[in-house]
Amino acid sequence: MDTWVSPETGREYGIQWRVREETHNQDLEIKARYPEQEIQMSQALGFTHALWEGRTTALGELAGKAVSGTGYAELIRPPADVSESVPSA
């Protein structure tokens, strides 16, 4: 539903999601509390790995009742060149 683009890596991360599930009449909107939560890690294999993780809030409906809460999300995507960097077994 909404995204944030890191000015350092140029990677785009989702920061707002809608989760719907009909069996339990679930309709939730989950949103990052702070978009700028990218973490960059250098790997021994010679490439830098970036990921997004952070606190979230949730609002919506579950089984016909209004619900709200807090949570945590982690978005991991391997680097574009990881298949070229990792030796095959």
C-alpha atoms as a PDB file:
ATOM      1  CA  MET A   1       0.000   0.000   0.000  1.00  0.00           C
ATOM      2  CA  ASP A   2       2.940   2.309   0.702  1.00  0.00           C
ATOM      3  CA  THR A   3       6.690   2.054   0.273  1.00  0.00           C
ATOM      4  CA  TRP A   4       9.893   3.767   1.347  1.00  0.00           C
ATOM      5  CA  VAL A   5      13.061   3.975  -0.772  1.00  0.00           C
ATOM      6  CA  SER A   6      16.412   4.002   1.020  1.00  0.00           C
ATOM      7  CA  PRO A   7      18.514   6.981  -0.037  1.00  0.00           C
ATOM      8  CA  GLU A   8      21.653   4.940   0.716  1.00  0.00           C
ATOM      9  CA  THR A   9      20.966   1.705  -1.178  1.00  0.00           C
ATOM     10  CA  GLY A  10      18.074   2.638  -3.487  1.00  0.00           C
ATOM     11  CA  ARG A  11      16.113  -0.397  -2.253  1.00  0.00           C
ATOM     12  CA  GLU A  12      12.357  -0.111  -1.970  1.00  0.00           C
ATOM     13  CA  TYR A  13      10.627  -1.575   1.100  1.00  0.00           C
ATOM     14  CA  GLY A  14       6.959  -1.995   1.851  1.00  0.00           C
ATOM     15  CA  ILE A  15       5.989  -0.005   4.946  1.00  0.00           C
ATOM     16  CA  GLN A  16       2.218  -0.488   4.929  1.00  0.00           C
ATOM     17  CA  TRP A  17       0.279  -3.707   4.267  1.00  0.00           C
ATOM     18  CA  ARG A  18      -3.309  -4.895   4.252  1.00  0.00           C
ATOM     19  CA  VAL A  19      -4.002  -8.437   5.439  1.00  0.00           C
ATOM     20  CA  ARG A  20      -7.418  -9.912   4.635  1.00  0.00           C
ATOM     21  CA  GLU A  21      -8.669 -13.392   5.475  1.00  0.00           C
ATOM     22  CA  GLU A  22     -12.328 -14.247   4.936  1.00  0.00           C
ATOM     23  CA  THR A  23     -12.707 -17.329   7.169  1.00  0.00           C
ATOM     24  CA  HIS A  24     -12.144 -15.279  10.333  1.00  0.00           C
ATOM     25  CA  ASN A  25     -13.495 -12.017   8.905  1.00  0.00           C
ATOM     26  CA  GLN A  26     -10.054 -10.465   9.242  1.00  0.00           C
ATOM     27  CA  ASP A  27      -9.165  -7.132   7.690  1.00  0.00           C
ATOM     28  CA  LEU A  28      -6.039  -5.522   9.123  1.00  0.00           C
ATOM     29  CA  GLU A  29      -3.907  -2.597   8.092  1.00  0.00           C
ATOM     30  CA  ILE A  30      -0.319  -2.934   9.292  1.00  0.00           C
ATOM     31  CA  LYS A  31       1.943   0.089   9.139  1.00  0.00           C
ATOM     32  CA  ALA A  32       5.580   0.773  10.007  1.00  0.00           C
ATOM     33  CA  ARG A  33       5.937   3.238  12.868  1.00  0.00           C
ATOM     34  CA  TYR A  34       9.074   4.709  11.283  1.00  0.00           C
ATOM     35  CA  PRO A  35       9.896   4.093   7.595  1.00  0.00           C
ATOM     36  CA  GLU A  36      13.663   4.716   7.867  1.00  0.00           C
ATOM     37  CA  GLN A  37      14.694   1.407   9.482  1.00  0.00           C
ATOM     38  CA  GLU A  38      17.079  -0.122   6.949  1.00  0.00           C
ATOM     39  CA  ILE A  39      20.023  -2.077   8.303  1.00  0.00           C
ATOM     40  CA  GLN A  40      23.123  -2.733   6.184  1.00  0.00           C
ATOM     41  CA  MET A  41      25.438  -5.613   6.993  1.00  0.00           C
ATOM     42  CA  SER A  42      28.744  -6.473   5.358  1.00  0.00           C
ATOM     43  CA  GLN A  43      29.174 -10.155   4.665  1.00  0.00           C
ATOM     44  CA  ALA A  44      32.393 -12.163   4.650  1.00  0.00           C
ATOM     45  CA  LEU A  45      31.442 -13.368   1.153  1.00  0.00           C
ATOM     46  CA  GLY A  46      32.193  -9.965  -0.328  1.00  0.00           C
ATOM     47  CA  PHE A  47      28.780  -8.347  -0.676  1.00  0.00           C
ATOM     48  CA  THR A  48      26.670  -6.012   1.446  1.00  0.00           C
ATOM     49  CA  HIS A  49      23.274  -7.199   2.563  1.00  0.00           C
ATOM     50  CA  ALA A  50      20.526  -4.707   3.444  1.00  0.00           C
ATOM     51  CA  LEU A  51      17.272  -5.445   5.198  1.00  0.00           C
ATOM     52  CA  TRP A  52      14.429  -3.542   6.787  1.00  0.00           C
ATOM     53  CA  GLU A  53      13.133  -4.284  10.256  1.00  0.00           C
ATOM     54  CA  GLY A  54      11.151  -2.393  12.819  1.00  0.00           C
ATOM     55  CA  ARG A  55       8.077  -1.759  14.898  1.00  0.00           C
ATOM     56  CA  THR A  56       4.597  -1.783  13.399  1.00  0.00           C
ATOM     57  CA  THR A  57       1.066  -0.891  14.402  1.00  0.00           C
ATOM     58  CA  ALA A  58      -2.049  -2.794  13.373  1.00  0.00           C
ATOM     59  CA  LEU A  59      -5.658  -1.606  13.125  1.00  0.00           C
ATOM     60  CA  GLY A  60      -8.679  -3.350  11.753  1.00  0.00           C
ATOM     61  CA  GLU A  61     -11.269  -6.000  12.335  1.00  0.00           C
ATOM     62  CA  LEU A  62     -11.159  -9.631  13.454  1.00  0.00           C
ATOM     63  CA  ALA A  63     -14.299 -11.773  13.774  1.00  0.00           C
ATOM     64  CA  GLY A  64     -16.475  -8.674  13.553  1.00  0.00           C
ATOM     65  CA  LYS A  65     -14.674  -6.816  16.354  1.00  0.00           C
ATOM     66  CA  ALA A  66     -12.381  -3.810  16.144  1.00  0.00           C
ATOM     67  CA  VAL A  67      -8.795  -4.687  17.055  1.00  0.00           C
ATOM     68  CA  SER A  68      -5.499  -2.837  17.358  1.00  0.00           C
ATOM     69  CA  GLY A  69      -2.007  -3.754  18.371  1.00  0.00           C
ATOM     70  CA  THR A  70       1.707  -3.424  17.877  1.00  0.00           C
ATOM     71  CA  GLY A  71       4.147  -5.762  16.196  1.00  0.00           C
ATOM     72  CA  TYR A  72       7.472  -6.220  14.487  1.00  0.00           C
ATOM     73  CA  ALA A  73       8.282  -6.832  10.823  1.00  0.00           C
ATOM     74  CA  GLU A  74      11.445  -7.940   9.079  1.00  0.00           C
ATOM     75  CA  LEU A  75      11.821  -7.688   5.313  1.00  0.00           C
ATOM     76  CA  ILE A  76      14.733  -9.611   3.885  1.00  0.00           C
ATOM     77  CA  ARG A  77      15.672  -9.720   0.219  1.00  0.00           C
ATOM     78  CA  PRO A  78      19.002 -11.139  -0.908  1.00  0.00           C
ATOM     79  CA  PRO A  79      21.275  -8.845  -2.897  1.00  0.00           C
ATOM     80  CA  ALA A  80      20.743  -8.954  -6.650  1.00  0.00           C
ATOM     81  CA  ASP A  81      24.209 -10.420  -7.146  1.00  0.00           C
ATOM     82  CA  VAL A  82      24.054 -13.018  -4.336  1.00  0.00           C
ATOM     83  CA  SER A  83      23.772 -15.984  -6.711  1.00  0.00           C
ATOM     84  CA  GLU A  84      26.998 -14.896  -8.367  1.00  0.00           C
ATOM     85  CA  SER A  85      28.756 -14.284  -5.020  1.00  0.00           C
ATOM     86  CA  VAL A  86      27.951 -17.503  -3.183  1.00  0.00           C
ATOM     87  CA  PRO A  87      29.978 -20.526  -4.238  1.00  0.00           C
ATOM     88  CA  SER A  88      27.889 -23.565  -5.132  1.00  0.00           C
ATOM     89  CA  ALA A  89      28.244 -26.698  -3.020  1.00  0.00           C
END
